[in-house]
């Protein structure tokens, strides 16, 4: 069951039925699961928790970028390295945002399964 949930998470599927798409396309989300009808946004401000996940993912990505830059160019100025790592992260922002919402929904359904 864990493998099936993990695969559904990476494919951005509904956390309840593991089949319905969460996103229509791009950043546009379905209001509810097209397969089982589960409402994705349980309350106003529901996705505020996903910001913490997004922040953690961005920190890891930029930190790894900084490490690679430091190992490749040890004499590079720290400010310039941060700027380069930040610019290299920009194309990944939509992906990080989508996955942070999906991870938040899976965590929320695991932590509070009885909430509608």
PDB file of N, CA and C in Angstrom:
ATOM      1  N   UNK A   1       0.822  -1.198   0.000  1.00  0.00           N
ATOM      2  CA  UNK A   1       0.000   0.000   0.000  1.00  0.00           C
ATOM      3  C   UNK A   1       0.863   1.258   0.000  1.00  0.00           C
ATOM      4  N   UNK A   2       1.995   1.207   0.725  1.00  0.00           N
ATOM      5  CA  UNK A   2       2.884   2.364   0.783  1.00  0.00           C
ATOM      6  C   UNK A   2       3.430   2.707  -0.596  1.00  0.00           C
ATOM      7  N   UNK A   3       3.821   1.679  -1.355  1.00  0.00           N
ATOM      8  CA  UNK A   3       4.341   1.902  -2.713  1.00  0.00           C
ATOM      9  C   UNK A   3       3.291   2.552  -3.602  1.00  0.00           C
ATOM     10  N   UNK A   4       2.066   2.063  -3.485  1.00  0.00           N
ATOM     11  CA  UNK A   4       0.984   2.598  -4.304  1.00  0.00           C
ATOM     12  C   UNK A   4       0.727   4.075  -3.973  1.00  0.00           C
ATOM     13  N   UNK A   5       0.744   4.409  -2.678  1.00  0.00           N
ATOM     14  CA  UNK A   5       0.559   5.808  -2.269  1.00  0.00           C
ATOM     15  C   UNK A   5       1.717   6.676  -2.739  1.00  0.00           C
ATOM     16  N   UNK A   6       2.930   6.160  -2.630  1.00  0.00           N
ATOM     17  CA  UNK A   6       4.102   6.916  -3.060  1.00  0.00           C
ATOM     18  C   UNK A   6       4.066   7.177  -4.564  1.00  0.00           C
ATOM     19  N   UNK A   7       3.670   6.173  -5.325  1.00  0.00           N
ATOM     20  CA  UNK A   7       3.554   6.339  -6.771  1.00  0.00           C
ATOM     21  C   UNK A   7       2.472   7.369  -7.105  1.00  0.00           C
ATOM     22  N   UNK A   8       1.344   7.308  -6.417  1.00  0.00           N
ATOM     23  CA  UNK A   8       0.266   8.268  -6.641  1.00  0.00           C
ATOM     24  C   UNK A   8       0.706   9.681  -6.276  1.00  0.00           C
ATOM     25  N   UNK A   9       1.483   9.806  -5.208  1.00  0.00           N
ATOM     26  CA  UNK A   9       1.995  11.121  -4.812  1.00  0.00           C
ATOM     27  C   UNK A   9       2.875  11.691  -5.914  1.00  0.00           C
ATOM     28  N   UNK A  10       3.815  10.896  -6.424  1.00  0.00           N
ATOM     29  CA  UNK A  10       4.705  11.381  -7.477  1.00  0.00           C
ATOM     30  C   UNK A  10       3.969  11.657  -8.785  1.00  0.00           C
ATOM     31  N   UNK A  11       2.870  10.958  -9.025  1.00  0.00           N
ATOM     32  CA  UNK A  11       2.057  11.199 -10.227  1.00  0.00           C
ATOM     33  C   UNK A  11       1.015  12.284  -9.993  1.00  0.00           C
ATOM     34  N   UNK A  12       0.993  12.855  -8.792  1.00  0.00           N
ATOM     35  CA  UNK A  12       0.068  13.933  -8.408  1.00  0.00           C
ATOM     36  C   UNK A  12      -1.389  13.488  -8.557  1.00  0.00           C
ATOM     37  N   UNK A  13      -1.708  12.386  -7.884  1.00  0.00           N
ATOM     38  CA  UNK A  13      -3.065  11.827  -7.888  1.00  0.00           C
ATOM     39  C   UNK A  13      -3.746  12.083  -6.547  1.00  0.00           C
ATOM     40  N   UNK A  14      -5.044  11.915  -6.511  1.00  0.00           N
ATOM     41  CA  UNK A  14      -5.874  12.127  -5.322  1.00  0.00           C
ATOM     42  C   UNK A  14      -5.345  11.315  -4.137  1.00  0.00           C
ATOM     43  N   UNK A  15      -5.245  11.926  -2.935  1.00  0.00           N
ATOM     44  CA  UNK A  15      -4.747  11.184  -1.777  1.00  0.00           C
ATOM     45  C   UNK A  15      -5.739  10.160  -1.223  1.00  0.00           C
ATOM     46  N   UNK A  16      -6.996  10.186  -1.672  1.00  0.00           N
ATOM     47  CA  UNK A  16      -7.994   9.238  -1.160  1.00  0.00           C
ATOM     48  C   UNK A  16      -8.122   8.030  -2.094  1.00  0.00           C
ATOM     49  N   UNK A  17      -8.454   8.276  -3.364  1.00  0.00           N
ATOM     50  CA  UNK A  17      -8.657   7.158  -4.291  1.00  0.00           C
ATOM     51  C   UNK A  17      -7.388   6.787  -5.065  1.00  0.00           C
ATOM     52  N   UNK A  18      -6.389   7.642  -5.057  1.00  0.00           N
ATOM     53  CA  UNK A  18      -5.103   7.435  -5.726  1.00  0.00           C
ATOM     54  C   UNK A  18      -5.235   7.365  -7.244  1.00  0.00           C
ATOM     55  N   UNK A  19      -6.337   7.866  -7.793  1.00  0.00           N
ATOM     56  CA  UNK A  19      -6.549   7.788  -9.234  1.00  0.00           C
ATOM     57  C   UNK A  19      -6.751   9.148  -9.903  1.00  0.00           C
ATOM     58  N   UNK A  20      -7.588   9.996  -9.315  1.00  0.00           N
ATOM     59  CA  UNK A  20      -7.933  11.265  -9.945  1.00  0.00           C
ATOM     60  C   UNK A  20      -6.797  12.263  -9.940  1.00  0.00           C
ATOM     61  N   UNK A  21      -6.679  13.035 -11.023  1.00  0.00           N
ATOM     62  CA  UNK A  21      -5.662  14.077 -11.104  1.00  0.00           C
ATOM     63  C   UNK A  21      -5.973  15.201 -10.127  1.00  0.00           C
ATOM     64  N   UNK A  22      -4.934  15.741  -9.520  1.00  0.00           N
ATOM     65  CA  UNK A  22      -5.101  16.894  -8.638  1.00  0.00           C
ATOM     66  C   UNK A  22      -5.084  18.180  -9.456  1.00  0.00           C
ATOM     67  N   UNK A  23      -4.206  18.244 -10.440  1.00  0.00           N
ATOM     68  CA  UNK A  23      -4.063  19.446 -11.255  1.00  0.00           C
ATOM     69  C   UNK A  23      -4.675  19.249 -12.635  1.00  0.00           C
ATOM     70  N   UNK A  24      -5.392  20.278 -13.110  1.00  0.00           N
ATOM     71  CA  UNK A  24      -5.947  20.243 -14.470  1.00  0.00           C
ATOM     72  C   UNK A  24      -4.798  20.334 -15.464  1.00  0.00           C
ATOM     73  N   UNK A  25      -4.050  21.437 -15.354  1.00  0.00           N
ATOM     74  CA  UNK A  25      -2.812  21.615 -16.113  1.00  0.00           C
ATOM     75  C   UNK A  25      -2.096  22.816 -15.532  1.00  0.00           C
ATOM     76  N   UNK A  26      -0.783  22.798 -15.631  1.00  0.00           N
ATOM     77  CA  UNK A  26      -0.014  23.887 -15.054  1.00  0.00           C
ATOM     78  C   UNK A  26      -0.250  23.987 -13.554  1.00  0.00           C
ATOM     79  N   UNK A  27      -0.604  25.188 -13.096  1.00  0.00           N
ATOM     80  CA  UNK A  27      -0.833  25.427 -11.673  1.00  0.00           C
ATOM     81  C   UNK A  27      -2.313  25.373 -11.303  1.00  0.00           C
ATOM     82  N   UNK A  28      -3.184  25.134 -12.260  1.00  0.00           N
ATOM     83  CA  UNK A  28      -4.623  25.119 -12.009  1.00  0.00           C
ATOM     84  C   UNK A  28      -5.048  23.775 -11.415  1.00  0.00           C
ATOM     85  N   UNK A  29      -5.631  23.832 -10.207  1.00  0.00           N
ATOM     86  CA  UNK A  29      -6.061  22.619  -9.507  1.00  0.00           C
ATOM     87  C   UNK A  29      -7.544  22.361  -9.730  1.00  0.00           C
ATOM     88  N   UNK A  30      -7.905  21.098  -9.724  1.00  0.00           N
ATOM     89  CA  UNK A  30      -9.318  20.739  -9.670  1.00  0.00           C
ATOM     90  C   UNK A  30      -9.834  21.120  -8.278  1.00  0.00           C
ATOM     91  N   UNK A  31     -11.100  21.492  -8.172  1.00  0.00           N
ATOM     92  CA  UNK A  31     -11.691  21.784  -6.857  1.00  0.00           C
ATOM     93  C   UNK A  31     -11.907  20.490  -6.072  1.00  0.00           C
ATOM     94  N   UNK A  32     -12.233  19.420  -6.798  1.00  0.00           N
ATOM     95  CA  UNK A  32     -12.430  18.112  -6.163  1.00  0.00           C
ATOM     96  C   UNK A  32     -11.912  17.036  -7.112  1.00  0.00           C
ATOM     97  N   UNK A  33     -11.762  15.848  -6.588  1.00  0.00           N
ATOM     98  CA  UNK A  33     -11.258  14.730  -7.380  1.00  0.00           C
ATOM     99  C   UNK A  33     -12.261  14.377  -8.476  1.00  0.00           C
ATOM    100  N   UNK A  34     -11.811  14.290  -9.726  1.00  0.00           N
ATOM    101  CA  UNK A  34     -12.727  13.912 -10.803  1.00  0.00           C
ATOM    102  C   UNK A  34     -13.221  12.464 -10.708  1.00  0.00           C
ATOM    103  N   UNK A  35     -12.551  11.627  -9.913  1.00  0.00           N
ATOM    104  CA  UNK A  35     -12.935  10.220  -9.794  1.00  0.00           C
ATOM    105  C   UNK A  35     -13.835   9.978  -8.579  1.00  0.00           C
ATOM    106  N   UNK A  36     -13.371  10.382  -7.383  1.00  0.00           N
ATOM    107  CA  UNK A  36     -14.131  10.057  -6.159  1.00  0.00           C
ATOM    108  C   UNK A  36     -14.849  11.258  -5.537  1.00  0.00           C
ATOM    109  N   UNK A  37     -14.596  12.462  -6.035  1.00  0.00           N
ATOM    110  CA  UNK A  37     -15.291  13.645  -5.544  1.00  0.00           C
ATOM    111  C   UNK A  37     -14.732  14.262  -4.270  1.00  0.00           C
ATOM    112  N   UNK A  38     -13.584  13.779  -3.785  1.00  0.00           N
ATOM    113  CA  UNK A  38     -12.965  14.344  -2.591  1.00  0.00           C
ATOM    114  C   UNK A  38     -12.623  15.813  -2.822  1.00  0.00           C
ATOM    115  N   UNK A  39     -13.039  16.679  -1.908  1.00  0.00           N
ATOM    116  CA  UNK A  39     -12.727  18.098  -2.016  1.00  0.00           C
ATOM    117  C   UNK A  39     -11.288  18.291  -1.557  1.00  0.00           C
ATOM    118  N   UNK A  40     -10.476  18.933  -2.415  1.00  0.00           N
ATOM    119  CA  UNK A  40      -9.059  19.075  -2.110  1.00  0.00           C
ATOM    120  C   UNK A  40      -8.774  20.162  -1.081  1.00  0.00           C
ATOM    121  N   UNK A  41      -9.436  21.301  -1.175  1.00  0.00           N
ATOM    122  CA  UNK A  41      -9.194  22.391  -0.235  1.00  0.00           C
ATOM    123  C   UNK A  41     -10.223  22.302   0.884  1.00  0.00           C
ATOM    124  N   UNK A  42      -9.833  21.736   2.029  1.00  0.00           N
ATOM    125  CA  UNK A  42     -10.768  21.449   3.118  1.00  0.00           C
ATOM    126  C   UNK A  42     -11.324  22.704   3.780  1.00  0.00           C
ATOM    127  N   UNK A  43     -10.567  23.794   3.782  1.00  0.00           N
ATOM    128  CA  UNK A  43     -10.993  25.028   4.447  1.00  0.00           C
ATOM    129  C   UNK A  43     -10.232  26.198   3.825  1.00  0.00           C
ATOM    130  N   UNK A  44     -10.713  27.428   4.035  1.00  0.00           N
ATOM    131  CA  UNK A  44      -9.968  28.584   3.521  1.00  0.00           C
ATOM    132  C   UNK A  44      -8.566  28.632   4.141  1.00  0.00           C
ATOM    133  N   UNK A  45      -7.579  28.884   3.327  1.00  0.00           N
ATOM    134  CA  UNK A  45      -6.203  28.920   3.805  1.00  0.00           C
ATOM    135  C   UNK A  45      -5.591  27.553   4.006  1.00  0.00           C
ATOM    136  N   UNK A  46      -6.225  26.536   3.460  1.00  0.00           N
ATOM    137  CA  UNK A  46      -5.807  25.147   3.661  1.00  0.00           C
ATOM    138  C   UNK A  46      -4.358  24.914   3.238  1.00  0.00           C
ATOM    139  N   UNK A  47      -3.932  25.526   2.148  1.00  0.00           N
ATOM    140  CA  UNK A  47      -2.612  25.238   1.611  1.00  0.00           C
ATOM    141  C   UNK A  47      -1.497  26.065   2.249  1.00  0.00           C
ATOM    142  N   UNK A  48      -1.797  26.759   3.327  1.00  0.00           N
ATOM    143  CA  UNK A  48      -0.762  27.481   4.054  1.00  0.00           C
ATOM    144  C   UNK A  48       0.321  26.522   4.557  1.00  0.00           C
ATOM    145  N   UNK A  49      -0.079  25.338   4.956  1.00  0.00           N
ATOM    146  CA  UNK A  49       0.884  24.335   5.414  1.00  0.00           C
ATOM    147  C   UNK A  49       1.850  23.905   4.330  1.00  0.00           C
ATOM    148  N   UNK A  50       1.411  23.970   3.074  1.00  0.00           N
ATOM    149  CA  UNK A  50       2.298  23.586   1.972  1.00  0.00           C
ATOM    150  C   UNK A  50       3.446  24.577   1.796  1.00  0.00           C
ATOM    151  N   UNK A  51       3.291  25.778   2.328  1.00  0.00           N
ATOM    152  CA  UNK A  51       4.383  26.755   2.243  1.00  0.00           C
ATOM    153  C   UNK A  51       5.607  26.282   3.025  1.00  0.00           C
ATOM    154  N   UNK A  52       5.388  25.600   4.143  1.00  0.00           N
ATOM    155  CA  UNK A  52       6.510  25.068   4.916  1.00  0.00           C
ATOM    156  C   UNK A  52       7.249  23.993   4.121  1.00  0.00           C
ATOM    157  N   UNK A  53       6.502  23.161   3.433  1.00  0.00           N
ATOM    158  CA  UNK A  53       7.110  22.114   2.608  1.00  0.00           C
ATOM    159  C   UNK A  53       7.858  22.745   1.444  1.00  0.00           C
ATOM    160  N   UNK A  54       7.250  23.742   0.826  1.00  0.00           N
ATOM    161  CA  UNK A  54       7.885  24.448  -0.279  1.00  0.00           C
ATOM    162  C   UNK A  54       9.186  25.110   0.172  1.00  0.00           C
ATOM    163  N   UNK A  55       9.155  25.725   1.334  1.00  0.00           N
ATOM    164  CA  UNK A  55      10.348  26.368   1.881  1.00  0.00           C
ATOM    165  C   UNK A  55      11.455  25.340   2.104  1.00  0.00           C
ATOM    166  N   UNK A  56      11.109  24.187   2.659  1.00  0.00           N
ATOM    167  CA  UNK A  56      12.100  23.132   2.910  1.00  0.00           C
ATOM    168  C   UNK A  56      12.697  22.626   1.599  1.00  0.00           C
ATOM    169  N   UNK A  57      11.852  22.399   0.597  1.00  0.00           N
ATOM    170  CA  UNK A  57      12.351  21.929  -0.697  1.00  0.00           C
ATOM    171  C   UNK A  57      13.256  22.969  -1.347  1.00  0.00           C
ATOM    172  N   UNK A  58      12.870  24.235  -1.275  1.00  0.00           N
ATOM    173  CA  UNK A  58      13.689  25.300  -1.862  1.00  0.00           C
ATOM    174  C   UNK A  58      15.026  25.411  -1.131  1.00  0.00           C
ATOM    175  N   UNK A  59      15.015  25.272   0.183  1.00  0.00           N
ATOM    176  CA  UNK A  59      16.255  25.345   0.960  1.00  0.00           C
ATOM    177  C   UNK A  59      17.204  24.220   0.579  1.00  0.00           C
ATOM    178  N   UNK A  60      16.667  23.019   0.432  1.00  0.00           N
ATOM    179  CA  UNK A  60      17.497  21.881   0.031  1.00  0.00           C
ATOM    180  C   UNK A  60      18.064  22.105  -1.367  1.00  0.00           C
ATOM    181  N   UNK A  61      17.214  22.530  -2.305  1.00  0.00           N
ATOM    182  CA  UNK A  61      17.656  22.740  -3.683  1.00  0.00           C
ATOM    183  C   UNK A  61      18.746  23.804  -3.750  1.00  0.00           C
ATOM    184  N   UNK A  62      18.516  24.945  -3.125  1.00  0.00           N
ATOM    185  CA  UNK A  62      19.494  26.039  -3.179  1.00  0.00           C
ATOM    186  C   UNK A  62      20.752  25.667  -2.394  1.00  0.00           C
ATOM    187  N   UNK A  63      20.590  24.950  -1.296  1.00  0.00           N
ATOM    188  CA  UNK A  63      21.758  24.490  -0.541  1.00  0.00           C
ATOM    189  C   UNK A  63      22.635  23.549  -1.352  1.00  0.00           C
ATOM    190  N   UNK A  64      22.009  22.624  -2.056  1.00  0.00           N
ATOM    191  CA  UNK A  64      22.783  21.720  -2.919  1.00  0.00           C
ATOM    192  C   UNK A  64      23.441  22.485  -4.059  1.00  0.00           C
ATOM    193  N   UNK A  65      22.722  23.468  -4.596  1.00  0.00           N
ATOM    194  CA  UNK A  65      23.317  24.316  -5.642  1.00  0.00           C
ATOM    195  C   UNK A  65      24.523  25.075  -5.127  1.00  0.00           C
ATOM    196  N   UNK A  66      24.416  25.589  -3.905  1.00  0.00           N
ATOM    197  CA  UNK A  66      25.543  26.295  -3.288  1.00  0.00           C
ATOM    198  C   UNK A  66      26.730  25.354  -3.077  1.00  0.00           C
ATOM    199  N   UNK A  67      26.452  24.125  -2.649  1.00  0.00           N
ATOM    200  CA  UNK A  67      27.513  23.144  -2.443  1.00  0.00           C
ATOM    201  C   UNK A  67      28.230  22.835  -3.751  1.00  0.00           C
ATOM    202  N   UNK A  68      27.463  22.596  -4.810  1.00  0.00           N
ATOM    203  CA  UNK A  68      28.057  22.305  -6.113  1.00  0.00           C
ATOM    204  C   UNK A  68      28.876  23.496  -6.601  1.00  0.00           C
ATOM    205  N   UNK A  69      28.347  24.690  -6.448  1.00  0.00           N
ATOM    206  CA  UNK A  69      29.100  25.889  -6.856  1.00  0.00           C
ATOM    207  C   UNK A  69      30.385  26.038  -6.054  1.00  0.00           C
ATOM    208  N   UNK A  70      30.309  25.786  -4.740  1.00  0.00           N
ATOM    209  CA  UNK A  70      31.503  25.910  -3.906  1.00  0.00           C
ATOM    210  C   UNK A  70      32.560  24.873  -4.281  1.00  0.00           C
ATOM    211  N   UNK A  71      32.115  23.638  -4.545  1.00  0.00           N
ATOM    212  CA  UNK A  71      33.068  22.595  -4.922  1.00  0.00           C
ATOM    213  C   UNK A  71      33.653  22.849  -6.311  1.00  0.00           C
ATOM    214  N   UNK A  72      32.859  23.435  -7.202  1.00  0.00           N
ATOM    215  CA  UNK A  72      33.332  23.709  -8.566  1.00  0.00           C
ATOM    216  C   UNK A  72      34.200  24.959  -8.633  1.00  0.00           C
ATOM    217  N   UNK A  73      33.802  25.983  -7.891  1.00  0.00           N
ATOM    218  CA  UNK A  73      34.508  27.271  -7.909  1.00  0.00           C
ATOM    219  C   UNK A  73      34.750  27.727  -6.468  1.00  0.00           C
ATOM    220  N   UNK A  74      35.784  27.206  -5.804  1.00  0.00           N
ATOM    221  CA  UNK A  74      35.989  27.499  -4.386  1.00  0.00           C
ATOM    222  C   UNK A  74      36.239  28.977  -4.075  1.00  0.00           C
ATOM    223  N   UNK A  75      36.720  29.742  -5.030  1.00  0.00           N
ATOM    224  CA  UNK A  75      37.014  31.156  -4.792  1.00  0.00           C
ATOM    225  C   UNK A  75      35.857  32.078  -5.147  1.00  0.00           C
ATOM    226  N   UNK A  76      34.727  31.521  -5.525  1.00  0.00           N
ATOM    227  CA  UNK A  76      33.572  32.328  -5.917  1.00  0.00           C
ATOM    228  C   UNK A  76      33.004  33.070  -4.708  1.00  0.00           C
ATOM    229  N   UNK A  77      32.685  34.347  -4.890  1.00  0.00           N
ATOM    230  CA  UNK A  77      32.112  35.165  -3.829  1.00  0.00           C
ATOM    231  C   UNK A  77      30.786  34.559  -3.365  1.00  0.00           C
ATOM    232  N   UNK A  78      30.562  34.552  -2.051  1.00  0.00           N
ATOM    233  CA  UNK A  78      29.365  33.938  -1.477  1.00  0.00           C
ATOM    234  C   UNK A  78      28.088  34.602  -1.994  1.00  0.00           C
ATOM    235  N   UNK A  79      28.065  35.917  -2.078  1.00  0.00           N
ATOM    236  CA  UNK A  79      26.886  36.631  -2.575  1.00  0.00           C
ATOM    237  C   UNK A  79      26.558  36.253  -4.005  1.00  0.00           C
ATOM    238  N   UNK A  80      27.579  36.138  -4.826  1.00  0.00           N
ATOM    239  CA  UNK A  80      27.371  35.747  -6.218  1.00  0.00           C
ATOM    240  C   UNK A  80      26.892  34.297  -6.310  1.00  0.00           C
ATOM    241  N   UNK A  81      27.426  33.444  -5.457  1.00  0.00           N
ATOM    242  CA  UNK A  81      27.008  32.037  -5.445  1.00  0.00           C
ATOM    243  C   UNK A  81      25.532  31.917  -5.064  1.00  0.00           C
ATOM    244  N   UNK A  82      25.100  32.688  -4.071  1.00  0.00           N
ATOM    245  CA  UNK A  82      23.685  32.677  -3.673  1.00  0.00           C
ATOM    246  C   UNK A  82      22.816  33.157  -4.822  1.00  0.00           C
ATOM    247  N   UNK A  83      23.243  34.217  -5.492  1.00  0.00           N
ATOM    248  CA  UNK A  83      22.494  34.754  -6.634  1.00  0.00           C
ATOM    249  C   UNK A  83      22.383  33.728  -7.755  1.00  0.00           C
ATOM    250  N   UNK A  84      23.475  33.071  -8.084  1.00  0.00           N
ATOM    251  CA  UNK A  84      23.470  32.060  -9.149  1.00  0.00           C
ATOM    252  C   UNK A  84      22.566  30.885  -8.767  1.00  0.00           C
ATOM    253  N   UNK A  85      22.692  30.405  -7.537  1.00  0.00           N
ATOM    254  CA  UNK A  85      21.864  29.277  -7.091  1.00  0.00           C
ATOM    255  C   UNK A  85      20.383  29.659  -7.107  1.00  0.00           C
ATOM    256  N   UNK A  86      20.068  30.885  -6.706  1.00  0.00           N
ATOM    257  CA  UNK A  86      18.680  31.351  -6.733  1.00  0.00           C
ATOM    258  C   UNK A  86      18.123  31.437  -8.141  1.00  0.00           C
ATOM    259  N   UNK A  87      18.913  31.946  -9.069  1.00  0.00           N
ATOM    260  CA  UNK A  87      18.473  32.052 -10.459  1.00  0.00           C
ATOM    261  C   UNK A  87      18.299  30.660 -11.072  1.00  0.00           C
ATOM    262  N   UNK A  88      19.200  29.745 -10.743  1.00  0.00           N
ATOM    263  CA  UNK A  88      19.073  28.377 -11.253  1.00  0.00           C
ATOM    264  C   UNK A  88      17.847  27.663 -10.687  1.00  0.00           C
ATOM    265  N   UNK A  89      17.384  28.096  -9.515  1.00  0.00           N
ATOM    266  CA  UNK A  89      16.204  27.495  -8.892  1.00  0.00           C
ATOM    267  C   UNK A  89      14.899  27.985  -9.525  1.00  0.00           C
ATOM    268  N   UNK A  90      14.883  29.167 -10.102  1.00  0.00           N
ATOM    269  CA  UNK A  90      13.650  29.776 -10.621  1.00  0.00           C
ATOM    270  C   UNK A  90      12.835  28.875 -11.551  1.00  0.00           C
ATOM    271  N   UNK A  91      13.433  28.156 -12.508  1.00  0.00           N
ATOM    272  CA  UNK A  91      12.610  27.293 -13.368  1.00  0.00           C
ATOM    273  C   UNK A  91      11.910  26.153 -12.619  1.00  0.00           C
ATOM    274  N   UNK A  92      12.402  25.818 -11.431  1.00  0.00           N
ATOM    275  CA  UNK A  92      11.839  24.711 -10.664  1.00  0.00           C
ATOM    276  C   UNK A  92      10.742  25.148  -9.690  1.00  0.00           C
ATOM    277  N   UNK A  93      10.492  26.443  -9.588  1.00  0.00           N
ATOM    278  CA  UNK A  93       9.498  26.952  -8.636  1.00  0.00           C
ATOM    279  C   UNK A  93       8.106  26.372  -8.874  1.00  0.00           C
ATOM    280  N   UNK A  94       7.590  26.334 -10.114  1.00  0.00           N
ATOM    281  CA  UNK A  94       6.254  25.736 -10.303  1.00  0.00           C
ATOM    282  C   UNK A  94       6.183  24.265  -9.880  1.00  0.00           C
ATOM    283  N   UNK A  95       7.223  23.508 -10.188  1.00  0.00           N
ATOM    284  CA  UNK A  95       7.233  22.096  -9.805  1.00  0.00           C
ATOM    285  C   UNK A  95       7.254  21.949  -8.282  1.00  0.00           C
ATOM    286  N   UNK A  96       8.067  22.743  -7.609  1.00  0.00           N
ATOM    287  CA  UNK A  96       8.153  22.685  -6.146  1.00  0.00           C
ATOM    288  C   UNK A  96       6.813  23.080  -5.531  1.00  0.00           C
ATOM    289  N   UNK A  97       6.163  24.088  -6.100  1.00  0.00           N
ATOM    290  CA  UNK A  97       4.863  24.532  -5.589  1.00  0.00           C
ATOM    291  C   UNK A  97       3.820  23.427  -5.727  1.00  0.00           C
ATOM    292  N   UNK A  98       3.771  22.801  -6.897  1.00  0.00           N
ATOM    293  CA  UNK A  98       2.803  21.716  -7.107  1.00  0.00           C
ATOM    294  C   UNK A  98       3.045  20.559  -6.146  1.00  0.00           C
ATOM    295  N   UNK A  99       4.297  20.111  -6.068  1.00  0.00           N
ATOM    296  CA  UNK A  99       4.581  18.965  -5.208  1.00  0.00           C
ATOM    297  C   UNK A  99       4.416  19.290  -3.732  1.00  0.00           C
ATOM    298  N   UNK A 100       4.674  20.521  -3.330  1.00  0.00           N
ATOM    299  CA  UNK A 100       4.470  20.857  -1.917  1.00  0.00           C
ATOM    300  C   UNK A 100       2.988  20.801  -1.563  1.00  0.00           C
ATOM    301  N   UNK A 101       2.115  21.195  -2.484  1.00  0.00           N
ATOM    302  CA  UNK A 101       0.671  21.082  -2.233  1.00  0.00           C
ATOM    303  C   UNK A 101       0.243  19.619  -2.152  1.00  0.00           C
ATOM    304  N   UNK A 102       0.783  18.799  -3.046  1.00  0.00           N
ATOM    305  CA  UNK A 102       0.428  17.376  -3.044  1.00  0.00           C
ATOM    306  C   UNK A 102       0.915  16.704  -1.760  1.00  0.00           C
ATOM    307  N   UNK A 103       2.153  16.984  -1.370  1.00  0.00           N
ATOM    308  CA  UNK A 103       2.696  16.393  -0.139  1.00  0.00           C
ATOM    309  C   UNK A 103       1.877  16.859   1.060  1.00  0.00           C
ATOM    310  N   UNK A 104       1.481  18.133   1.079  1.00  0.00           N
ATOM    311  CA  UNK A 104       0.657  18.638   2.181  1.00  0.00           C
ATOM    312  C   UNK A 104      -0.677  17.902   2.250  1.00  0.00           C
ATOM    313  N   UNK A 105      -1.317  17.692   1.097  1.00  0.00           N
ATOM    314  CA  UNK A 105      -2.607  16.993   1.087  1.00  0.00           C
ATOM    315  C   UNK A 105      -2.453  15.561   1.587  1.00  0.00           C
ATOM    316  N   UNK A 106      -1.397  14.872   1.181  1.00  0.00           N
ATOM    317  CA  UNK A 106      -1.168  13.501   1.643  1.00  0.00           C
ATOM    318  C   UNK A 106      -0.904  13.479   3.145  1.00  0.00           C
ATOM    319  N   UNK A 107      -0.080  14.418   3.633  1.00  0.00           N
ATOM    320  CA  UNK A 107       0.192  14.477   5.067  1.00  0.00           C
ATOM    321  C   UNK A 107      -1.083  14.779   5.848  1.00  0.00           C
ATOM    322  N   UNK A 108      -1.855  15.742   5.368  1.00  0.00           N
ATOM    323  CA  UNK A 108      -3.084  16.130   6.060  1.00  0.00           C
ATOM    324  C   UNK A 108      -4.073  14.973   6.122  1.00  0.00           C
ATOM    325  N   UNK A 109      -4.240  14.239   5.049  1.00  0.00           N
ATOM    326  CA  UNK A 109      -5.171  13.089   5.039  1.00  0.00           C
ATOM    327  C   UNK A 109      -4.650  11.968   5.922  1.00  0.00           C
ATOM    328  N   UNK A 110      -3.325  11.864   6.073  1.00  0.00           N
ATOM    329  CA  UNK A 110      -2.762  10.854   6.959  1.00  0.00           C
ATOM    330  C   UNK A 110      -2.944  11.276   8.422  1.00  0.00           C
ATOM    331  N   UNK A 111      -2.656  12.542   8.735  1.00  0.00           N
ATOM    332  CA  UNK A 111      -2.709  13.018  10.116  1.00  0.00           C
ATOM    333  C   UNK A 111      -4.138  13.176  10.634  1.00  0.00           C
ATOM    334  N   UNK A 112      -5.037  13.639   9.783  1.00  0.00           N
ATOM    335  CA  UNK A 112      -6.432  13.865  10.182  1.00  0.00           C
ATOM    336  C   UNK A 112      -7.375  13.196   9.163  1.00  0.00           C
ATOM    337  N   UNK A 113      -7.449  11.874   9.163  1.00  0.00           N
ATOM    338  CA  UNK A 113      -8.219  11.170   8.135  1.00  0.00           C
ATOM    339  C   UNK A 113      -9.724  11.360   8.220  1.00  0.00           C
ATOM    340  N   UNK A 114     -10.257  11.654   9.396  1.00  0.00           N
ATOM    341  CA  UNK A 114     -11.709  11.720   9.544  1.00  0.00           C
ATOM    342  C   UNK A 114     -12.301  13.052   9.104  1.00  0.00           C
ATOM    343  N   UNK A 115     -11.457  14.066   8.952  1.00  0.00           N
ATOM    344  CA  UNK A 115     -11.968  15.377   8.516  1.00  0.00           C
ATOM    345  C   UNK A 115     -12.423  15.288   7.065  1.00  0.00           C
ATOM    346  N   UNK A 116     -13.506  15.959   6.757  1.00  0.00           N
ATOM    347  CA  UNK A 116     -14.055  15.925   5.391  1.00  0.00           C
ATOM    348  C   UNK A 116     -13.350  16.910   4.502  1.00  0.00           C
TER     349      UNK A 116
END
